[in-house]
Amino acid sequence: MAKRIKKPPVKLEQRREWLRRSEMGESVPKIADSDDFDVRTVRKHIELAKQEREVKEARAAVLRNALERHYDDLRKFAETLNSAILGASNIPSSPDDDLMEAALRQHLPRSPIWGYMSKRQNLQQRADEEQQKLEIVINESVKADRRLTPLINDGLHGIVPGIVAVLVAEAKQWTHGNTGYSLKDSLVMESAGEGLVNPRFGFSHMGIMKVKHSERCAKIVHDVLEDLESRLRDWEDYRNLEKTIAEIGRLDRKLREELAIARLRRIVPGRCKYCPL
């Protein structure tokens, strides 16, 4: 009886080749015959090769899905930053925002985004301070206008804060580019009871007063608004705020262009510690 020769174990590359040949149409018996292996061995290893491929494809699908979600998280955070720059007021916050910022920084460590954001924060703080200074100057200028003294002496204490509110609102519009915004000609007389009215210019009420006094009061308020509107644009505090806001606007355009890399390309270059690889 001839001694049986034990064949070497089937290697990974060989069973993958058997699977390829099988899927190309070559029969299992033919593969076994040409490679001098038992049919059962070939069939078993073809099945193993299929299982290995399925596991590999499943892992690749899981990784691909994880990568897509990771990139989507980065993109959404970039969208949040972009919305904040545009001044959106209803931006949903997330407890992971600080982590996502750290991740985006790791992906884009040399991006100008981070320098722009730091500079923008400083400029915004400066703008807030300049806005407060301007509001103080507006308030003092309105209080100092002698045309309002008789109205205040008559107990119309809503006049000064009403005019201040109008001028503050106008200054905010002007410094943001809406230079034609004005409320001095938007007078509305709202009824406040029998013989009483509450005049308002735009959104700003002047206080409840008698109807017989309202026309004279409205004329004085209109004239004060007209004069202070023409002077306000020349005040140093206004010009400083206007320059700062213009600088913020230029910086915002640059920042949005950089954020568009993550928002619109949808695949962020680089790596971070949260990358699923």
Protein backbone atom coordinates (compact mmCIF):
# COMPACT_ATOMS: atom_id res chain seq x y z
CA MET A 1 0.00 0.00 0.00
CA ALA A 2 1.45 3.36 -1.08
CA LYS A 3 2.23 5.83 1.65
CA ARG A 4 -0.25 8.74 1.72
CA ILE A 5 1.43 12.11 1.23
CA LYS A 6 -0.05 14.89 3.38
CA LYS A 7 -0.59 18.05 1.38
CA PRO A 8 0.53 21.39 2.82
CA PRO A 9 -2.23 23.58 4.32
CA VAL A 10 -4.15 25.76 1.89
CA LYS A 11 -2.89 29.31 2.06
CA LEU A 12 -5.09 32.39 2.13
CA GLU A 13 -3.99 33.50 -1.33
CA GLN A 14 -4.79 30.11 -2.81
CA ARG A 15 -8.34 29.91 -1.52
CA ARG A 16 -8.99 33.44 -2.71
CA GLU A 17 -7.77 32.39 -6.13
CA TRP A 18 -10.08 29.36 -6.03
CA LEU A 19 -13.00 31.68 -5.19
CA ARG A 20 -12.09 33.97 -8.08
CA ARG A 21 -11.89 31.03 -10.52
CA SER A 22 -15.18 29.65 -9.23
CA GLU A 23 -16.93 32.97 -9.72
CA MET A 24 -15.46 33.19 -13.19
CA GLY A 25 -17.31 29.95 -14.04
CA GLU A 26 -14.74 27.25 -13.43
CA SER A 27 -16.28 24.23 -11.67
CA VAL A 28 -15.07 23.01 -8.30
CA PRO A 29 -14.14 19.51 -9.64
CA LYS A 30 -12.08 21.10 -12.41
CA ILE A 31 -10.26 23.34 -9.92
CA ALA A 32 -9.58 20.36 -7.67
CA ASP A 33 -8.33 18.25 -10.55
CA SER A 34 -6.06 20.95 -12.01
CA ASP A 35 -4.55 21.86 -8.61
CA ASP A 36 -4.42 18.24 -7.37
CA PHE A 37 -6.66 18.74 -4.34
CA ASP A 38 -9.63 16.89 -2.99
CA VAL A 39 -12.95 18.32 -4.18
CA ARG A 40 -14.16 18.62 -0.59
CA THR A 41 -11.07 20.61 0.34
CA VAL A 42 -11.54 23.03 -2.54
CA ARG A 43 -15.25 23.45 -1.79
CA LYS A 44 -14.53 24.06 1.92
CA HIS A 45 -11.90 26.70 1.22
CA ILE A 46 -14.00 28.47 -1.38
CA GLU A 47 -16.69 28.81 1.29
CA LEU A 48 -14.09 30.09 3.79
CA ALA A 49 -12.91 32.64 1.24
CA LYS A 50 -16.49 33.86 0.78
CA GLN A 51 -16.93 34.26 4.54
CA GLU A 52 -13.64 36.15 4.87
CA ARG A 53 -14.63 38.48 2.06
CA GLU A 54 -18.02 39.16 3.63
CA VAL A 55 -16.40 39.99 6.97
CA LYS A 56 -13.93 42.32 5.26
CA GLU A 57 -16.70 44.04 3.31
CA ALA A 58 -18.82 44.40 6.46
CA ARG A 59 -15.91 45.98 8.33
CA ALA A 60 -15.26 48.32 5.41
CA ALA A 61 -18.93 49.33 5.40
CA VAL A 62 -18.86 50.02 9.15
CA LEU A 63 -15.69 52.08 8.77
CA ARG A 64 -17.08 53.97 5.79
CA ASN A 65 -20.26 54.77 7.72
CA ALA A 66 -18.27 55.90 10.75
CA LEU A 67 -16.09 58.13 8.57
CA GLU A 68 -19.13 59.64 6.86
CA ARG A 69 -20.73 60.42 10.23
CA HIS A 70 -17.47 61.87 11.55
CA TYR A 71 -17.10 64.14 8.54
CA ASP A 72 -20.77 65.10 8.87
CA ASP A 73 -20.20 66.05 12.53
CA LEU A 74 -17.30 68.29 11.48
CA ARG A 75 -19.35 69.79 8.67
CA LYS A 76 -22.28 70.52 11.00
CA PHE A 77 -19.95 72.25 13.45
CA ALA A 78 -18.56 74.35 10.60
CA GLU A 79 -22.17 75.19 9.69
CA THR A 80 -22.78 76.29 13.28
CA LEU A 81 -19.76 78.61 13.16
CA ASN A 82 -20.91 79.96 9.81
CA SER A 83 -24.43 80.62 11.16
CA ALA A 84 -22.98 82.46 14.16
CA ILE A 85 -20.96 84.68 11.83
CA LEU A 86 -24.09 85.46 9.83
CA GLY A 87 -25.79 86.53 13.05
CA ALA A 88 -28.37 83.75 13.36
CA SER A 89 -30.10 83.90 16.75
CA ASN A 90 -31.57 80.38 16.95
CA ILE A 91 -28.41 78.30 16.68
CA PRO A 92 -28.80 75.02 18.59
CA SER A 93 -25.92 74.38 20.98
CA SER A 94 -24.41 71.01 21.78
CA PRO A 95 -22.48 69.86 24.86
CA ASP A 96 -19.87 68.51 22.43
CA ASP A 97 -19.22 71.83 20.69
CA ASP A 98 -15.89 72.27 22.48
CA LEU A 99 -14.85 68.74 21.46
CA MET A 100 -15.85 69.33 17.85
CA GLU A 101 -13.87 72.57 17.77
CA ALA A 102 -10.83 70.69 19.08
CA ALA A 103 -11.36 68.00 16.43
CA LEU A 104 -11.63 70.56 13.62
CA ARG A 105 -8.49 72.29 14.91
CA GLN A 106 -6.62 68.97 14.74
CA HIS A 107 -7.84 68.36 11.20
CA LEU A 108 -6.95 71.90 10.09
CA PRO A 109 -4.12 73.02 12.39
CA ARG A 110 -2.66 75.49 9.87
CA SER A 111 -5.97 76.95 8.73
CA PRO A 112 -6.40 80.75 9.03
CA ILE A 113 -9.77 80.00 10.68
CA TRP A 114 -8.32 80.00 14.18
CA GLY A 115 -6.47 83.27 13.82
CA TYR A 116 -9.54 84.88 12.25
CA MET A 117 -11.79 83.64 15.08
CA SER A 118 -9.47 85.00 17.75
CA LYS A 119 -9.23 88.36 16.00
CA ARG A 120 -13.00 88.44 15.51
CA GLN A 121 -13.60 87.85 19.22
CA ASN A 122 -11.32 90.79 20.08
CA LEU A 123 -13.01 93.01 17.50
CA GLN A 124 -16.47 92.07 18.75
CA GLN A 125 -15.46 92.93 22.31
CA ARG A 126 -14.17 96.28 21.08
CA ALA A 127 -17.40 96.89 19.14
CA ASP A 128 -19.48 96.15 22.25
CA GLU A 129 -17.45 98.66 24.26
CA GLU A 130 -17.74 101.28 21.52
CA GLN A 131 -21.49 100.65 21.29
CA GLN A 132 -21.84 101.31 25.02
CA LYS A 133 -19.82 104.54 24.73
CA LEU A 134 -21.98 105.71 21.82
CA GLU A 135 -25.18 105.00 23.73
CA ILE A 136 -23.88 107.07 26.65
CA VAL A 137 -23.08 109.97 24.30
CA ILE A 138 -26.52 109.70 22.67
CA ASN A 139 -28.23 109.71 26.07
CA GLU A 140 -26.26 112.74 27.24
CA SER A 141 -26.93 114.62 23.99
CA VAL A 142 -30.68 114.03 24.21
CA LYS A 143 -30.80 115.08 27.85
CA ALA A 144 -28.85 118.24 27.02
CA ASP A 145 -31.28 119.38 24.30
CA ARG A 146 -33.12 122.37 25.79
CA ARG A 147 -36.11 121.96 23.46
CA LEU A 148 -37.13 118.95 25.52
CA THR A 149 -36.97 120.77 28.87
CA PRO A 150 -40.59 122.06 28.81
CA LEU A 151 -41.87 118.58 27.95
CA ILE A 152 -39.92 116.99 30.78
CA ASN A 153 -41.10 119.70 33.19
CA ASP A 154 -44.66 118.83 32.19
CA GLY A 155 -44.06 115.28 33.42
CA LEU A 156 -43.45 113.62 30.03
CA HIS A 157 -40.57 111.50 31.29
CA GLY A 158 -40.87 108.95 28.48
CA ILE A 159 -39.61 111.46 25.91
CA VAL A 160 -35.86 111.17 26.60
CA PRO A 161 -35.63 107.35 26.75
CA GLY A 162 -37.95 107.17 23.72
CA ILE A 163 -35.70 109.42 21.61
CA VAL A 164 -32.55 107.64 22.85
CA ALA A 165 -34.02 104.27 21.82
CA VAL A 166 -34.73 105.60 18.32
CA LEU A 167 -31.23 107.00 17.84
CA VAL A 168 -29.55 103.87 19.20
CA ALA A 169 -31.58 101.70 16.82
CA GLU A 170 -30.76 103.98 13.88
CA ALA A 171 -27.04 103.98 14.69
CA LYS A 172 -27.02 100.16 14.77
CA GLN A 173 -28.67 100.03 11.36
CA TRP A 174 -26.33 102.62 9.86
CA THR A 175 -23.13 100.98 11.12
CA HIS A 176 -24.26 97.70 9.58
CA GLY A 177 -24.81 99.26 6.16
CA ASN A 178 -28.48 100.27 6.24
CA THR A 179 -27.65 103.97 5.94
CA GLY A 180 -31.14 105.03 4.81
CA TYR A 181 -32.85 103.79 7.97
CA SER A 182 -34.76 106.54 9.80
CA LEU A 183 -37.73 106.65 12.18
CA LYS A 184 -38.25 110.39 12.48
CA ASP A 185 -41.10 110.35 9.94
CA SER A 186 -42.79 107.19 11.25
CA LEU A 187 -45.03 108.84 13.85
CA VAL A 188 -48.08 106.87 15.01
CA MET A 189 -50.55 108.18 17.58
CA GLU A 190 -51.77 105.23 19.63
CA SER A 191 -54.88 105.71 21.75
CA ALA A 192 -54.23 105.37 25.48
CA GLY A 193 -57.71 106.05 26.82
CA GLU A 194 -60.17 108.91 26.72
CA GLY A 195 -58.35 112.11 25.83
CA LEU A 196 -54.95 110.36 25.95
CA VAL A 197 -52.46 109.08 23.36
CA ASN A 198 -49.10 107.33 23.40
CA PRO A 199 -47.13 108.66 20.41
CA ARG A 200 -44.46 106.41 18.97
CA PHE A 201 -41.80 106.80 16.33
CA GLY A 202 -41.41 103.37 14.80
CA PHE A 203 -41.18 100.94 17.72
CA SER A 204 -40.34 103.56 20.36
CA HIS A 205 -43.12 105.04 22.53
CA MET A 206 -42.78 108.57 23.89
CA GLY A 207 -45.12 108.08 26.85
CA ILE A 208 -48.79 108.70 27.57
CA MET A 209 -49.90 112.30 27.21
CA LYS A 210 -53.01 114.38 26.60
CA VAL A 211 -54.20 114.59 23.01
CA LYS A 212 -54.11 118.40 23.11
CA HIS A 213 -50.37 118.32 23.89
CA SER A 214 -49.42 115.50 21.54
CA GLU A 215 -49.11 117.46 18.31
CA ARG A 216 -46.73 120.01 19.81
CA CYS A 217 -44.77 117.23 21.54
CA ALA A 218 -44.47 115.20 18.34
CA LYS A 219 -43.22 118.24 16.43
CA ILE A 220 -40.49 118.91 19.00
CA VAL A 221 -39.43 115.23 19.06
CA HIS A 222 -39.30 115.15 15.25
CA ASP A 223 -37.07 118.24 15.15
CA VAL A 224 -34.74 116.88 17.85
CA LEU A 225 -34.46 113.56 16.03
CA GLU A 226 -33.74 115.28 12.75
CA ASP A 227 -30.97 117.41 14.24
CA LEU A 228 -29.33 114.61 16.21
CA GLU A 229 -29.52 112.22 13.24
CA SER A 230 -27.50 114.68 11.14
CA ARG A 231 -24.93 115.18 13.89
CA LEU A 232 -24.63 111.60 15.07
CA ARG A 233 -22.73 110.37 12.01
CA ASP A 234 -19.95 112.89 12.66
CA TRP A 235 -19.35 111.92 16.27
CA GLU A 236 -16.02 110.26 16.94
CA ASP A 237 -17.65 107.44 18.93
CA TYR A 238 -19.94 106.66 16.00
CA ARG A 239 -17.08 106.68 13.47
CA ASN A 240 -15.00 104.38 15.69
CA LEU A 241 -17.86 101.88 15.94
CA GLU A 242 -18.52 102.10 12.21
CA LYS A 243 -14.86 101.31 11.42
CA THR A 244 -14.78 98.38 13.84
CA ILE A 245 -17.95 96.85 12.42
CA ALA A 246 -16.62 97.29 8.87
CA GLU A 247 -13.45 95.47 9.93
CA ILE A 248 -15.53 92.66 11.43
CA GLY A 249 -17.43 92.42 8.14
CA ARG A 250 -14.23 92.06 6.10
CA LEU A 251 -12.92 89.46 8.52
CA ASP A 252 -16.22 87.55 8.43
CA ARG A 253 -16.00 87.21 4.65
CA LYS A 254 -12.54 85.69 4.94
CA LEU A 255 -13.63 83.40 7.76
CA ARG A 256 -16.68 82.15 5.84
CA GLU A 257 -14.50 81.37 2.83
CA GLU A 258 -12.27 79.20 5.00
CA LEU A 259 -15.21 77.48 6.70
CA ALA A 260 -16.60 76.65 3.26
CA ILE A 261 -13.75 74.14 2.90
CA ALA A 262 -15.35 71.94 5.55
CA ARG A 263 -18.96 72.90 4.79
CA LEU A 264 -18.99 72.37 1.04
CA ARG A 265 -16.13 69.95 0.39
CA ARG A 266 -17.69 67.62 3.01
CA ILE A 267 -14.41 65.74 3.49
CA VAL A 268 -12.06 67.44 5.91
CA PRO A 269 -8.35 66.76 5.31
CA GLY A 270 -6.10 65.65 8.14
CA ARG A 271 -6.82 63.60 11.22
CA CYS A 272 -7.98 64.00 14.81
CA LYS A 273 -8.18 61.75 17.85
CA TYR A 274 -11.84 61.08 17.09
CA CYS A 275 -11.21 59.78 13.57
CA PRO A 276 -12.55 56.17 13.32
CA LEU A 277 -9.31 54.78 11.92
